[in-house]
Amino acid sequence: MSVSQKHLLLIYHSRSGANQRLVDAVQAGVERDPSNVTLRIKTAFAADEADLLWANATIFVSPEHFGYMAGALKDFFERTFYPTENQV
């Protein structure tokens, strides 16, 4: 039985570099055995609806600001929610 190629999307925001280390760790894990996962990494400002529709699974990485996600990630959700509603 063969395993089909899966699409993993990682959307992140990092100003200090701490979250970039998390992104790097995910990338290193996928690179250990890339035979069944294609990883696409996008910043929150660069990601769009097409990326969400491409992905089988999505990882969101955000710093915490005042008890909430970074504004960049909130912006992503606001830009993509209605265009992809009922599609993802």
PDB file of N, CA and C in Angstrom:
ATOM      1  N   MET A   1       0.844  -1.180   0.000  1.00  0.00           N
ATOM      2  CA  MET A   1       0.000   0.000   0.000  1.00  0.00           C
ATOM      3  C   MET A   1       0.888   1.241   0.000  1.00  0.00           C
ATOM      4  N   SER A   2       0.690   2.123  -0.953  1.00  0.00           N
ATOM      5  CA  SER A   2       1.503   3.331  -1.018  1.00  0.00           C
ATOM      6  C   SER A   2       0.808   4.471  -0.282  1.00  0.00           C
ATOM      7  N   VAL A   3       1.610   5.342   0.234  1.00  0.00           N
ATOM      8  CA  VAL A   3       1.107   6.513   0.942  1.00  0.00           C
ATOM      9  C   VAL A   3       1.099   7.673  -0.043  1.00  0.00           C
ATOM     10  N   SER A   4      -0.028   8.344  -0.174  1.00  0.00           N
ATOM     11  CA  SER A   4      -0.093   9.462  -1.108  1.00  0.00           C
ATOM     12  C   SER A   4       0.590  10.690  -0.518  1.00  0.00           C
ATOM     13  N   GLN A   5       1.103  11.518  -1.395  1.00  0.00           N
ATOM     14  CA  GLN A   5       1.796  12.742  -0.996  1.00  0.00           C
ATOM     15  C   GLN A   5       0.799  13.685  -0.327  1.00  0.00           C
ATOM     16  N   LYS A   6       1.140  14.169   0.854  1.00  0.00           N
ATOM     17  CA  LYS A   6       0.302  15.105   1.596  1.00  0.00           C
ATOM     18  C   LYS A   6       0.913  16.493   1.523  1.00  0.00           C
ATOM     19  N   HIS A   7       0.063  17.500   1.565  1.00  0.00           N
ATOM     20  CA  HIS A   7       0.500  18.890   1.522  1.00  0.00           C
ATOM     21  C   HIS A   7       0.340  19.507   2.906  1.00  0.00           C
ATOM     22  N   LEU A   8       1.441  19.953   3.475  1.00  0.00           N
ATOM     23  CA  LEU A   8       1.453  20.586   4.794  1.00  0.00           C
ATOM     24  C   LEU A   8       1.817  22.052   4.623  1.00  0.00           C
ATOM     25  N   LEU A   9       0.955  22.928   5.090  1.00  0.00           N
ATOM     26  CA  LEU A   9       1.166  24.372   5.018  1.00  0.00           C
ATOM     27  C   LEU A   9       1.520  24.887   6.403  1.00  0.00           C
ATOM     28  N   LEU A  10       2.568  25.671   6.484  1.00  0.00           N
ATOM     29  CA  LEU A  10       2.958  26.292   7.747  1.00  0.00           C
ATOM     30  C   LEU A  10       2.903  27.801   7.543  1.00  0.00           C
ATOM     31  N   ILE A  11       2.052  28.461   8.307  1.00  0.00           N
ATOM     32  CA  ILE A  11       1.885  29.911   8.244  1.00  0.00           C
ATOM     33  C   ILE A  11       2.369  30.477   9.564  1.00  0.00           C
ATOM     34  N   TYR A  12       3.249  31.483   9.485  1.00  0.00           N
ATOM     35  CA  TYR A  12       3.856  31.964  10.723  1.00  0.00           C
ATOM     36  C   TYR A  12       4.103  33.469  10.701  1.00  0.00           C
ATOM     37  N   HIS A  13       4.348  33.981  11.901  1.00  0.00           N
ATOM     38  CA  HIS A  13       4.822  35.349  12.079  1.00  0.00           C
ATOM     39  C   HIS A  13       5.891  35.304  13.157  1.00  0.00           C
ATOM     40  N   SER A  14       7.003  35.978  12.898  1.00  0.00           N
ATOM     41  CA  SER A  14       8.097  36.002  13.872  1.00  0.00           C
ATOM     42  C   SER A  14       8.874  37.297  13.724  1.00  0.00           C
ATOM     43  N   ARG A  15       8.902  38.085  14.776  1.00  0.00           N
ATOM     44  CA  ARG A  15       9.723  39.302  14.766  1.00  0.00           C
ATOM     45  C   ARG A  15      11.026  39.077  15.507  1.00  0.00           C
ATOM     46  N   SER A  16      10.974  38.337  16.603  1.00  0.00           N
ATOM     47  CA  SER A  16      12.162  38.170  17.444  1.00  0.00           C
ATOM     48  C   SER A  16      13.027  36.994  17.022  1.00  0.00           C
ATOM     49  N   GLY A  17      12.474  36.087  16.234  1.00  0.00           N
ATOM     50  CA  GLY A  17      13.222  34.903  15.827  1.00  0.00           C
ATOM     51  C   GLY A  17      12.842  33.647  16.587  1.00  0.00           C
ATOM     52  N   ALA A  18      12.137  33.779  17.697  1.00  0.00           N
ATOM     53  CA  ALA A  18      11.757  32.599  18.482  1.00  0.00           C
ATOM     54  C   ALA A  18      10.838  31.688  17.677  1.00  0.00           C
ATOM     55  N   ASN A  19       9.851  32.247  17.026  1.00  0.00           N
ATOM     56  CA  ASN A  19       8.941  31.427  16.229  1.00  0.00           C
ATOM     57  C   ASN A  19       9.615  30.902  14.972  1.00  0.00           C
ATOM     58  N   GLN A  20      10.609  31.609  14.479  1.00  0.00           N
ATOM     59  CA  GLN A  20      11.366  31.102  13.331  1.00  0.00           C
ATOM     60  C   GLN A  20      12.045  29.785  13.692  1.00  0.00           C
ATOM     61  N   ARG A  21      12.484  29.646  14.931  1.00  0.00           N
ATOM     62  CA  ARG A  21      13.098  28.383  15.367  1.00  0.00           C
ATOM     63  C   ARG A  21      12.082  27.236  15.334  1.00  0.00           C
ATOM     64  N   LEU A  22      10.831  27.518  15.676  1.00  0.00           N
ATOM     65  CA  LEU A  22       9.784  26.493  15.567  1.00  0.00           C
ATOM     66  C   LEU A  22       9.568  26.093  14.106  1.00  0.00           C
ATOM     67  N   VAL A  23       9.539  27.077  13.231  1.00  0.00           N
ATOM     68  CA  VAL A  23       9.390  26.813  11.800  1.00  0.00           C
ATOM     69  C   VAL A  23      10.549  25.952  11.302  1.00  0.00           C
ATOM     70  N   ASP A  24      11.765  26.311  11.714  1.00  0.00           N
ATOM     71  CA  ASP A  24      12.951  25.547  11.308  1.00  0.00           C
ATOM     72  C   ASP A  24      12.877  24.104  11.799  1.00  0.00           C
ATOM     73  N   ALA A  25      12.343  23.897  12.997  1.00  0.00           N
ATOM     74  CA  ALA A  25      12.225  22.543  13.547  1.00  0.00           C
ATOM     75  C   ALA A  25      11.230  21.706  12.739  1.00  0.00           C
ATOM     76  N   VAL A  26      10.114  22.294  12.354  1.00  0.00           N
ATOM     77  CA  VAL A  26       9.142  21.574  11.522  1.00  0.00           C
ATOM     78  C   VAL A  26       9.773  21.227  10.177  1.00  0.00           C
ATOM     79  N   GLN A  27      10.469  22.193   9.594  1.00  0.00           N
ATOM     80  CA  GLN A  27      11.111  21.956   8.303  1.00  0.00           C
ATOM     81  C   GLN A  27      12.141  20.832   8.397  1.00  0.00           C
ATOM     82  N   ALA A  28      12.926  20.836   9.456  1.00  0.00           N
ATOM     83  CA  ALA A  28      13.927  19.779   9.641  1.00  0.00           C
ATOM     84  C   ALA A  28      13.258  18.414   9.778  1.00  0.00           C
ATOM     85  N   GLY A  29      12.144  18.360  10.475  1.00  0.00           N
ATOM     86  CA  GLY A  29      11.425  17.101  10.626  1.00  0.00           C
ATOM     87  C   GLY A  29      10.905  16.575   9.301  1.00  0.00           C
ATOM     88  N   VAL A  30      10.366  17.446   8.483  1.00  0.00           N
ATOM     89  CA  VAL A  30       9.862  17.026   7.173  1.00  0.00           C
ATOM     90  C   VAL A  30      11.016  16.593   6.277  1.00  0.00           C
ATOM     91  N   GLU A  31      12.132  17.305   6.358  1.00  0.00           N
ATOM     92  CA  GLU A  31      13.281  16.976   5.507  1.00  0.00           C
ATOM     93  C   GLU A  31      13.900  15.628   5.856  1.00  0.00           C
ATOM     94  N   ARG A  32      13.686  15.135   7.073  1.00  0.00           N
ATOM     95  CA  ARG A  32      14.200  13.811   7.443  1.00  0.00           C
ATOM     96  C   ARG A  32      13.565  12.708   6.606  1.00  0.00           C
ATOM     97  N   ASP A  33      12.291  12.873   6.273  1.00  0.00           N
ATOM     98  CA  ASP A  33      11.612  11.896   5.415  1.00  0.00           C
ATOM     99  C   ASP A  33      10.574  12.624   4.564  1.00  0.00           C
ATOM    100  N   PRO A  34      11.019  13.250   3.482  1.00  0.00           N
ATOM    101  CA  PRO A  34      10.097  14.024   2.648  1.00  0.00           C
ATOM    102  C   PRO A  34       9.306  13.181   1.655  1.00  0.00           C
ATOM    103  N   SER A  35       9.376  11.864   1.775  1.00  0.00           N
ATOM    104  CA  SER A  35       8.763  10.996   0.769  1.00  0.00           C
ATOM    105  C   SER A  35       7.246  11.102   0.691  1.00  0.00           C
ATOM    106  N   ASN A  36       6.590  11.518   1.763  1.00  0.00           N
ATOM    107  CA  ASN A  36       5.129  11.587   1.696  1.00  0.00           C
ATOM    108  C   ASN A  36       4.549  12.930   2.125  1.00  0.00           C
ATOM    109  N   VAL A  37       5.409  13.952   2.321  1.00  0.00           N
ATOM    110  CA  VAL A  37       4.923  15.272   2.725  1.00  0.00           C
ATOM    111  C   VAL A  37       5.620  16.351   1.902  1.00  0.00           C
ATOM    112  N   THR A  38       4.815  17.240   1.337  1.00  0.00           N
ATOM    113  CA  THR A  38       5.342  18.441   0.701  1.00  0.00           C
ATOM    114  C   THR A  38       5.029  19.600   1.630  1.00  0.00           C
ATOM    115  N   LEU A  39       6.050  20.318   2.057  1.00  0.00           N
ATOM    116  CA  LEU A  39       5.895  21.423   3.005  1.00  0.00           C
ATOM    117  C   LEU A  39       5.962  22.747   2.268  1.00  0.00           C
ATOM    118  N   ARG A  40       5.007  23.606   2.544  1.00  0.00           N
ATOM    119  CA  ARG A  40       5.012  24.979   2.026  1.00  0.00           C
ATOM    120  C   ARG A  40       5.019  25.902   3.234  1.00  0.00           C
ATOM    121  N   ILE A  41       6.011  26.785   3.304  1.00  0.00           N
ATOM    122  CA  ILE A  41       6.143  27.724   4.420  1.00  0.00           C
ATOM    123  C   ILE A  41       5.879  29.131   3.904  1.00  0.00           C
ATOM    124  N   LYS A  42       4.970  29.829   4.566  1.00  0.00           N
ATOM    125  CA  LYS A  42       4.618  31.197   4.180  1.00  0.00           C
ATOM    126  C   LYS A  42       4.497  32.068   5.422  1.00  0.00           C
ATOM    127  N   THR A  43       4.905  33.319   5.296  1.00  0.00           N
ATOM    128  CA  THR A  43       4.622  34.258   6.374  1.00  0.00           C
ATOM    129  C   THR A  43       3.127  34.569   6.340  1.00  0.00           C
ATOM    130  N   ALA A  44       2.619  35.050   7.442  1.00  0.00           N
ATOM    131  CA  ALA A  44       1.186  35.345   7.527  1.00  0.00           C
ATOM    132  C   ALA A  44       0.768  36.389   6.495  1.00  0.00           C
ATOM    133  N   PHE A  45       1.640  37.358   6.221  1.00  0.00           N
ATOM    134  CA  PHE A  45       1.300  38.383   5.238  1.00  0.00           C
ATOM    135  C   PHE A  45       1.378  37.863   3.805  1.00  0.00           C
ATOM    136  N   ALA A  46       2.186  36.841   3.549  1.00  0.00           N
ATOM    137  CA  ALA A  46       2.354  36.315   2.187  1.00  0.00           C
ATOM    138  C   ALA A  46       1.362  35.207   1.846  1.00  0.00           C
ATOM    139  N   ALA A  47       0.836  34.522   2.836  1.00  0.00           N
ATOM    140  CA  ALA A  47      -0.086  33.405   2.589  1.00  0.00           C
ATOM    141  C   ALA A  47      -1.436  33.927   2.107  1.00  0.00           C
ATOM    142  N   ASP A  48      -2.103  33.098   1.296  1.00  0.00           N
ATOM    143  CA  ASP A  48      -3.409  33.511   0.777  1.00  0.00           C
ATOM    144  C   ASP A  48      -4.359  32.318   0.656  1.00  0.00           C
ATOM    145  N   GLU A  49      -5.514  32.568   0.041  1.00  0.00           N
ATOM    146  CA  GLU A  49      -6.541  31.534  -0.080  1.00  0.00           C
ATOM    147  C   GLU A  49      -6.044  30.315  -0.845  1.00  0.00           C
ATOM    148  N   ALA A  50      -5.267  30.539  -1.890  1.00  0.00           N
ATOM    149  CA  ALA A  50      -4.765  29.422  -2.695  1.00  0.00           C
ATOM    150  C   ALA A  50      -3.915  28.477  -1.853  1.00  0.00           C
ATOM    151  N   ASP A  51      -3.151  29.031  -0.932  1.00  0.00           N
ATOM    152  CA  ASP A  51      -2.339  28.187  -0.047  1.00  0.00           C
ATOM    153  C   ASP A  51      -3.230  27.303   0.821  1.00  0.00           C
ATOM    154  N   LEU A  52      -4.276  27.873   1.381  1.00  0.00           N
ATOM    155  CA  LEU A  52      -5.191  27.088   2.221  1.00  0.00           C
ATOM    156  C   LEU A  52      -5.863  25.975   1.426  1.00  0.00           C
ATOM    157  N   LEU A  53      -6.277  26.280   0.222  1.00  0.00           N
ATOM    158  CA  LEU A  53      -6.952  25.279  -0.598  1.00  0.00           C
ATOM    159  C   LEU A  53      -5.998  24.177  -1.047  1.00  0.00           C
ATOM    160  N   TRP A  54      -4.719  24.487  -1.159  1.00  0.00           N
ATOM    161  CA  TRP A  54      -3.691  23.512  -1.541  1.00  0.00           C
ATOM    162  C   TRP A  54      -3.431  22.506  -0.426  1.00  0.00           C
ATOM    163  N   ALA A  55      -3.546  22.944   0.819  1.00  0.00           N
ATOM    164  CA  ALA A  55      -3.081  22.169   1.973  1.00  0.00           C
ATOM    165  C   ALA A  55      -4.063  21.096   2.427  1.00  0.00           C
ATOM    166  N   ASN A  56      -3.483  19.966   2.863  1.00  0.00           N
ATOM    167  CA  ASN A  56      -4.256  18.938   3.566  1.00  0.00           C
ATOM    168  C   ASN A  56      -4.293  19.223   5.059  1.00  0.00           C
ATOM    169  N   ALA A  57      -3.262  19.900   5.550  1.00  0.00           N
ATOM    170  CA  ALA A  57      -3.168  20.267   6.968  1.00  0.00           C
ATOM    171  C   ALA A  57      -2.392  21.573   7.068  1.00  0.00           C
ATOM    172  N   THR A  58      -2.695  22.341   8.104  1.00  0.00           N
ATOM    173  CA  THR A  58      -2.046  23.641   8.282  1.00  0.00           C
ATOM    174  C   THR A  58      -1.566  23.784   9.715  1.00  0.00           C
ATOM    175  N   ILE A  59      -0.351  24.310   9.854  1.00  0.00           N
ATOM    176  CA  ILE A  59       0.215  24.647  11.159  1.00  0.00           C
ATOM    177  C   ILE A  59       0.302  26.165  11.224  1.00  0.00           C
ATOM    178  N   PHE A  60      -0.204  26.742  12.306  1.00  0.00           N
ATOM    179  CA  PHE A  60      -0.121  28.183  12.522  1.00  0.00           C
ATOM    180  C   PHE A  60       0.856  28.439  13.661  1.00  0.00           C
ATOM    181  N   VAL A  61       1.810  29.333  13.430  1.00  0.00           N
ATOM    182  CA  VAL A  61       2.804  29.677  14.449  1.00  0.00           C
ATOM    183  C   VAL A  61       2.742  31.186  14.654  1.00  0.00           C
ATOM    184  N   SER A  62       2.486  31.597  15.889  1.00  0.00           N
ATOM    185  CA  SER A  62       2.337  33.016  16.185  1.00  0.00           C
ATOM    186  C   SER A  62       2.865  33.322  17.574  1.00  0.00           C
ATOM    187  N   PRO A  63       3.490  34.485  17.735  1.00  0.00           N
ATOM    188  CA  PRO A  63       3.799  34.917  19.094  1.00  0.00           C
ATOM    189  C   PRO A  63       2.495  35.320  19.791  1.00  0.00           C
ATOM    190  N   GLU A  64       2.581  35.476  21.072  1.00  0.00           N
ATOM    191  CA  GLU A  64       1.433  35.915  21.866  1.00  0.00           C
ATOM    192  C   GLU A  64       1.659  37.378  22.215  1.00  0.00           C
ATOM    193  N   HIS A  65       0.693  38.213  21.872  1.00  0.00           N
ATOM    194  CA  HIS A  65       0.759  39.640  22.192  1.00  0.00           C
ATOM    195  C   HIS A  65      -0.482  40.013  22.995  1.00  0.00           C
ATOM    196  N   PHE A  66      -0.284  40.425  24.230  1.00  0.00           N
ATOM    197  CA  PHE A  66      -1.393  40.842  25.081  1.00  0.00           C
ATOM    198  C   PHE A  66      -2.464  39.756  25.186  1.00  0.00           C
ATOM    199  N   GLY A  67      -2.031  38.509  25.260  1.00  0.00           N
ATOM    200  CA  GLY A  67      -2.955  37.398  25.404  1.00  0.00           C
ATOM    201  C   GLY A  67      -3.637  36.970  24.116  1.00  0.00           C
ATOM    202  N   TYR A  68      -3.139  37.422  22.979  1.00  0.00           N
ATOM    203  CA  TYR A  68      -3.778  37.114  21.697  1.00  0.00           C
ATOM    204  C   TYR A  68      -2.717  36.860  20.637  1.00  0.00           C
ATOM    205  N   MET A  69      -3.124  36.328  19.507  1.00  0.00           N
ATOM    206  CA  MET A  69      -2.186  36.067  18.417  1.00  0.00           C
ATOM    207  C   MET A  69      -1.659  37.378  17.829  1.00  0.00           C
ATOM    208  N   ALA A  70      -0.578  37.284  17.083  1.00  0.00           N
ATOM    209  CA  ALA A  70      -0.010  38.455  16.416  1.00  0.00           C
ATOM    210  C   ALA A  70      -1.007  39.016  15.405  1.00  0.00           C
ATOM    211  N   GLY A  71      -0.969  40.314  15.229  1.00  0.00           N
ATOM    212  CA  GLY A  71      -1.853  40.967  14.266  1.00  0.00           C
ATOM    213  C   GLY A  71      -1.689  40.431  12.857  1.00  0.00           C
ATOM    214  N   ALA A  72      -0.472  40.015  12.503  1.00  0.00           N
ATOM    215  CA  ALA A  72      -0.231  39.472  11.161  1.00  0.00           C
ATOM    216  C   ALA A  72      -1.061  38.213  10.926  1.00  0.00           C
ATOM    217  N   LEU A  73      -1.156  37.358  11.927  1.00  0.00           N
ATOM    218  CA  LEU A  73      -1.943  36.136  11.768  1.00  0.00           C
ATOM    219  C   LEU A  73      -3.440  36.452  11.764  1.00  0.00           C
ATOM    220  N   LYS A  74      -3.854  37.388  12.590  1.00  0.00           N
ATOM    221  CA  LYS A  74      -5.260  37.808  12.581  1.00  0.00           C
ATOM    222  C   LYS A  74      -5.622  38.378  11.211  1.00  0.00           C
ATOM    223  N   ASP A  75      -4.724  39.156  10.630  1.00  0.00           N
ATOM    224  CA  ASP A  75      -4.935  39.693   9.290  1.00  0.00           C
ATOM    225  C   ASP A  75      -5.133  38.562   8.278  1.00  0.00           C
ATOM    226  N   PHE A  76      -4.309  37.511   8.389  1.00  0.00           N
ATOM    227  CA  PHE A  76      -4.449  36.363   7.490  1.00  0.00           C
ATOM    228  C   PHE A  76      -5.841  35.749   7.606  1.00  0.00           C
ATOM    229  N   PHE A  77      -6.294  35.516   8.826  1.00  0.00           N
ATOM    230  CA  PHE A  77      -7.619  34.921   9.022  1.00  0.00           C
ATOM    231  C   PHE A  77      -8.722  35.817   8.457  1.00  0.00           C
ATOM    232  N   GLU A  78      -8.593  37.112   8.652  1.00  0.00           N
ATOM    233  CA  GLU A  78      -9.613  38.033   8.150  1.00  0.00           C
ATOM    234  C   GLU A  78      -9.633  38.077   6.623  1.00  0.00           C
ATOM    235  N   ARG A  79      -8.468  37.965   5.986  1.00  0.00           N
ATOM    236  CA  ARG A  79      -8.402  37.988   4.520  1.00  0.00           C
ATOM    237  C   ARG A  79      -8.897  36.704   3.879  1.00  0.00           C
ATOM    238  N   THR A  80      -8.777  35.592   4.585  1.00  0.00           N
ATOM    239  CA  THR A  80      -9.039  34.300   3.940  1.00  0.00           C
ATOM    240  C   THR A  80     -10.304  33.588   4.418  1.00  0.00           C
ATOM    241  N   PHE A  81     -10.911  34.035   5.486  1.00  0.00           N
ATOM    242  CA  PHE A  81     -12.052  33.297   6.042  1.00  0.00           C
ATOM    243  C   PHE A  81     -13.208  33.169   5.044  1.00  0.00           C
ATOM    244  N   TYR A  82     -13.750  34.285   4.617  1.00  0.00           N
ATOM    245  CA  TYR A  82     -14.917  34.213   3.733  1.00  0.00           C
ATOM    246  C   TYR A  82     -14.592  33.654   2.346  1.00  0.00           C
ATOM    247  N   PRO A  83     -13.455  33.996   1.751  1.00  0.00           N
ATOM    248  CA  PRO A  83     -13.156  33.408   0.432  1.00  0.00           C
ATOM    249  C   PRO A  83     -13.014  31.883   0.446  1.00  0.00           C
ATOM    250  N   THR A  84     -12.669  31.296   1.597  1.00  0.00           N
ATOM    251  CA  THR A  84     -12.483  29.838   1.648  1.00  0.00           C
ATOM    252  C   THR A  84     -13.549  29.137   2.493  1.00  0.00           C
ATOM    253  N   GLU A  85     -14.540  29.880   2.929  1.00  0.00           N
ATOM    254  CA  GLU A  85     -15.590  29.293   3.765  1.00  0.00           C
ATOM    255  C   GLU A  85     -16.236  28.103   3.052  1.00  0.00           C
ATOM    256  N   ASN A  86     -16.392  27.003   3.795  1.00  0.00           N
ATOM    257  CA  ASN A  86     -16.973  25.750   3.300  1.00  0.00           C
ATOM    258  C   ASN A  86     -16.120  25.047   2.245  1.00  0.00           C
ATOM    259  N   GLN A  87     -14.868  25.456   2.089  1.00  0.00           N
ATOM    260  CA  GLN A  87     -13.970  24.806   1.130  1.00  0.00           C
ATOM    261  C   GLN A  87     -12.804  24.103   1.811  1.00  0.00           C
ATOM    262  N   VAL A  88     -12.517  24.495   3.029  1.00  0.00           N
ATOM    263  CA  VAL A  88     -11.393  23.885   3.760  1.00  0.00           C
ATOM    264  C   VAL A  88     -11.890  23.249   5.035  1.00  0.00           C
TER     265      VAL A  88
END
